């Protein structure tokens, strides 16, 4: 999708087609070098704005009000705009065989695409008795993209001990818990392991969905 820019004190609208969901990759407040500009240009002073993004439903659109904010990183200037990069990611597969249960720890996932879900997602949330995992084998001539299109489980952000989703490649481990949607960077590992573990039961939890 094309990056979006909106002036401060205005509303930004991110939109996708039917059966797709907005997943924000990055968001930045910007102070423009060009007076009156409301769009990012290289050399602008920018500051992370992901905490201002609240696209947490499966709607095909997400509206974001662009607050006017003083930025210490930019000599206490106020932002002129918000710059957002996002993807539109499928909510379901036309072929049911392309939707997998993360707790059916069976064969490796080798297809080019698919959706991985937790047991009972989204309306019959279940805890797990042990760590669930599935591995993805990536051909040597390919990289992989992953999107955590929905996660709603326990644990506070930053303390993902009792409830978590881990994505493990040959270099690092990405850890997520609580309520979040996330666009992973390109991953170049030949094997990727996705782990899921939840101990906390609450009626509002949904579990996880990953594309």
Protein backbone atom coordinates (compact mmCIF):
# COMPACT_ATOMS: atom_id res chain seq x y z
CA UNK A 1 0.00 0.00 0.00
CA UNK A 2 1.07 3.58 -0.59
CA UNK A 3 2.32 5.39 2.57
CA UNK A 4 -0.17 7.88 3.96
CA UNK A 5 0.47 11.40 5.29
CA UNK A 6 -1.95 13.68 7.11
CA UNK A 7 -1.56 17.11 8.70
CA UNK A 8 -1.68 17.46 12.46
CA UNK A 9 -5.17 18.04 13.91
CA UNK A 10 -6.76 16.12 11.03
CA UNK A 11 -8.00 12.54 10.55
CA UNK A 12 -6.13 9.93 8.50
CA UNK A 13 -8.12 7.10 6.89
CA UNK A 14 -6.40 3.78 6.12
CA UNK A 15 -8.47 1.47 3.91
CA UNK A 16 -8.35 -2.07 2.55
CA UNK A 17 -10.57 -4.21 0.33
CA UNK A 18 -13.17 -6.63 1.70
CA UNK A 19 -11.72 -9.63 3.60
CA UNK A 20 -8.51 -7.73 4.31
CA UNK A 21 -7.37 -5.98 7.48
CA UNK A 22 -5.15 -2.94 8.08
CA UNK A 23 -1.81 -3.80 9.71
CA UNK A 24 0.39 -0.77 10.39
CA UNK A 25 4.11 -1.35 9.75
CA UNK A 26 5.40 1.99 10.97
CA UNK A 27 4.15 5.40 12.06
CA UNK A 28 6.12 8.61 12.55
CA UNK A 29 5.40 12.16 13.59
CA UNK A 30 7.26 14.56 11.32
CA UNK A 31 8.50 18.13 11.39
CA UNK A 32 8.66 19.30 7.77
CA UNK A 33 11.65 21.13 6.34
CA UNK A 34 9.34 22.77 3.81
CA UNK A 35 7.01 25.30 5.40
CA UNK A 36 3.38 24.25 5.18
CA UNK A 37 4.17 20.70 4.05
CA UNK A 38 2.14 17.81 5.47
CA UNK A 39 4.07 14.99 3.83
CA UNK A 40 7.31 13.20 4.66
CA UNK A 41 10.43 14.08 2.70
CA UNK A 42 13.93 12.71 3.42
CA UNK A 43 15.72 14.90 5.94
CA UNK A 44 12.60 15.74 7.97
CA UNK A 45 12.95 15.33 11.71
CA UNK A 46 10.78 12.36 12.71
CA UNK A 47 9.78 10.60 15.93
CA UNK A 48 8.14 7.22 16.44
CA UNK A 49 4.33 7.37 16.65
CA UNK A 50 3.32 3.70 16.87
CA UNK A 51 1.86 4.26 20.34
CA UNK A 52 -0.71 6.59 18.72
CA UNK A 53 -2.02 3.85 16.41
CA UNK A 54 -5.11 1.95 17.58
CA UNK A 55 -6.09 -0.22 14.60
CA UNK A 56 -7.29 -3.23 16.62
CA UNK A 57 -10.43 -4.44 14.82
CA UNK A 58 -11.03 -6.43 11.64
CA UNK A 59 -12.69 -3.50 9.87
CA UNK A 60 -11.53 -2.72 6.31
CA UNK A 61 -10.66 0.80 7.45
CA UNK A 62 -8.94 2.47 10.37
CA UNK A 63 -9.32 6.16 11.18
CA UNK A 64 -6.54 7.88 13.10
CA UNK A 65 -6.79 11.38 14.54
CA UNK A 66 -3.43 13.10 14.13
CA UNK A 67 -2.66 14.89 17.37
CA UNK A 68 -0.47 17.96 17.53
CA UNK A 69 2.44 16.90 19.69
CA UNK A 70 5.63 18.55 20.92
CA UNK A 71 8.62 16.41 19.94
CA UNK A 72 11.71 16.52 22.21
CA UNK A 73 13.62 14.65 19.48
CA UNK A 74 13.00 17.61 17.15
CA UNK A 75 14.06 20.52 19.37
CA UNK A 76 10.59 20.67 20.98
CA UNK A 77 8.95 21.59 17.69
CA UNK A 78 5.38 20.43 17.12
CA UNK A 79 4.74 17.83 14.46
CA UNK A 80 3.41 19.01 11.11
CA UNK A 81 2.10 15.61 10.04
CA UNK A 82 1.79 11.89 10.68
CA UNK A 83 3.41 9.45 8.24
CA UNK A 84 2.09 5.86 8.20
CA UNK A 85 3.12 2.77 6.26
CA UNK A 86 0.71 -0.17 6.31
CA UNK A 87 -0.27 -3.43 4.64
CA UNK A 88 -3.64 -4.96 3.76
CA UNK A 89 -3.53 -8.58 4.91
CA UNK A 90 -6.08 -11.39 4.26
CA UNK A 91 -8.45 -12.33 7.08
CA UNK A 92 -9.20 -15.82 5.72
CA UNK A 93 -8.24 -18.24 2.96
CA UNK A 94 -10.52 -19.39 0.15
CA UNK A 95 -8.95 -22.85 0.53
CA UNK A 96 -9.63 -24.17 4.09
CA UNK A 97 -6.55 -26.38 3.75
CA UNK A 98 -4.46 -23.21 3.94
CA UNK A 99 -5.67 -22.46 7.49
CA UNK A 100 -3.65 -24.24 10.17
CA UNK A 101 -4.00 -24.91 13.91
CA UNK A 102 -0.82 -23.95 15.74
CA UNK A 103 -1.44 -26.62 18.38
CA UNK A 104 -1.57 -29.46 15.88
CA UNK A 105 2.17 -29.98 16.13
CA UNK A 106 2.41 -32.05 12.99
CA UNK A 107 4.16 -31.53 9.67
CA UNK A 108 6.15 -28.41 8.83
CA UNK A 109 4.38 -25.66 6.89
CA UNK A 110 5.86 -25.55 3.40
CA UNK A 111 3.24 -23.68 1.32
CA UNK A 112 3.78 -20.17 -0.01
CA UNK A 113 1.01 -18.69 2.13
CA UNK A 114 -1.59 -19.52 4.76
CA UNK A 115 -3.13 -18.52 8.08
CA UNK A 116 -2.11 -19.95 11.44
CA UNK A 117 -4.66 -19.82 14.28
CA UNK A 118 -4.84 -20.80 17.92
CA UNK A 119 -7.39 -23.43 19.05
CA UNK A 120 -10.93 -22.01 19.24
CA UNK A 121 -9.99 -18.68 17.64
CA UNK A 122 -11.76 -16.27 17.88
CA UNK A 123 -14.98 -17.08 19.76
CA UNK A 124 -14.04 -20.21 21.75
CA UNK A 125 -10.78 -19.16 23.36
CA UNK A 126 -8.79 -22.00 24.93
CA UNK A 127 -5.75 -22.15 27.16
CA UNK A 128 -2.93 -24.56 26.31
CA UNK A 129 -1.53 -27.37 28.44
CA UNK A 130 1.92 -27.09 26.87
CA UNK A 131 3.86 -24.96 24.42
CA UNK A 132 2.37 -25.24 20.92
CA UNK A 133 4.60 -24.75 17.92
CA UNK A 134 4.73 -25.03 14.16
CA UNK A 135 7.76 -24.58 11.94
CA UNK A 136 7.94 -23.03 8.48
CA UNK A 137 10.55 -24.24 6.02
CA UNK A 138 11.68 -21.46 3.67
CA UNK A 139 13.29 -22.35 0.31
CA UNK A 140 16.84 -21.07 -0.13
CA UNK A 141 15.87 -18.59 -2.84
CA UNK A 142 13.04 -16.98 -0.84
CA UNK A 143 12.44 -14.74 2.15
CA UNK A 144 9.27 -14.76 4.24
CA UNK A 145 6.87 -12.14 5.57
CA UNK A 146 4.66 -12.70 8.60
CA UNK A 147 1.83 -10.59 9.95
CA UNK A 148 0.31 -11.07 13.40
CA UNK A 149 -3.13 -9.96 12.26
CA UNK A 150 -4.77 -10.49 15.65
CA UNK A 151 -3.52 -11.27 19.13
CA UNK A 152 -5.59 -10.95 22.28
CA UNK A 153 -4.26 -13.00 25.19
CA UNK A 154 -2.99 -12.36 28.71
CA UNK A 155 0.31 -10.92 30.05
CA UNK A 156 1.35 -7.32 30.21
CA UNK A 157 3.30 -5.95 27.27
CA UNK A 158 7.00 -6.48 27.93
CA UNK A 159 6.37 -9.40 30.31
CA UNK A 160 5.29 -12.27 28.05
CA UNK A 161 6.03 -15.16 30.41
CA UNK A 162 2.69 -16.87 31.09
CA UNK A 163 1.03 -16.03 27.77
CA UNK A 164 2.89 -15.39 24.52
CA UNK A 165 3.54 -15.78 20.81
CA UNK A 166 7.19 -16.23 19.86
CA UNK A 167 8.59 -16.12 16.32
CA UNK A 168 12.07 -17.60 16.33
CA UNK A 169 14.51 -17.40 13.43
CA UNK A 170 18.25 -18.05 13.22
CA UNK A 171 19.09 -14.58 14.55
CA UNK A 172 16.51 -13.48 17.09
CA UNK A 173 13.20 -14.11 18.86
CA UNK A 174 10.21 -11.79 18.45
CA UNK A 175 8.00 -11.83 21.58
CA UNK A 176 4.39 -10.64 21.75
CA UNK A 177 1.56 -10.90 24.24
CA UNK A 178 -1.50 -8.99 25.47
CA UNK A 179 -3.36 -7.21 22.62
CA UNK A 180 -1.36 -6.33 19.54
CA UNK A 181 -1.19 -6.50 15.74
CA UNK A 182 2.26 -6.56 14.17
CA UNK A 183 4.01 -6.59 10.82
CA UNK A 184 7.26 -8.55 11.07
CA UNK A 185 10.26 -7.50 8.97
CA UNK A 186 11.47 -9.70 6.12
CA UNK A 187 12.96 -12.88 7.59
CA UNK A 188 15.81 -14.64 5.77
CA UNK A 189 16.12 -17.76 7.95
CA UNK A 190 15.62 -21.19 6.34
CA UNK A 191 13.55 -22.38 9.32
CA UNK A 192 11.15 -20.29 11.40
CA UNK A 193 9.49 -21.62 14.54
CA UNK A 194 6.25 -20.08 15.81
CA UNK A 195 5.42 -20.82 19.46
CA UNK A 196 2.15 -20.21 21.31
CA UNK A 197 1.43 -20.64 25.01
CA UNK A 198 -1.44 -19.32 27.14
CA UNK A 199 -2.26 -20.01 30.78
CA UNK A 200 -4.63 -17.12 31.56
CA UNK A 201 -8.35 -17.60 30.87
CA UNK A 202 -10.63 -14.60 30.33
CA UNK A 203 -13.89 -14.45 28.41
CA UNK A 204 -12.81 -11.47 26.27
CA UNK A 205 -9.65 -13.14 24.96
CA UNK A 206 -9.59 -14.38 21.35
CA UNK A 207 -6.20 -16.04 20.91
CA UNK A 208 -4.01 -15.50 17.83
CA UNK A 209 -4.22 -15.31 14.05
CA UNK A 210 -1.13 -14.98 11.84
CA UNK A 211 -0.77 -14.71 8.05
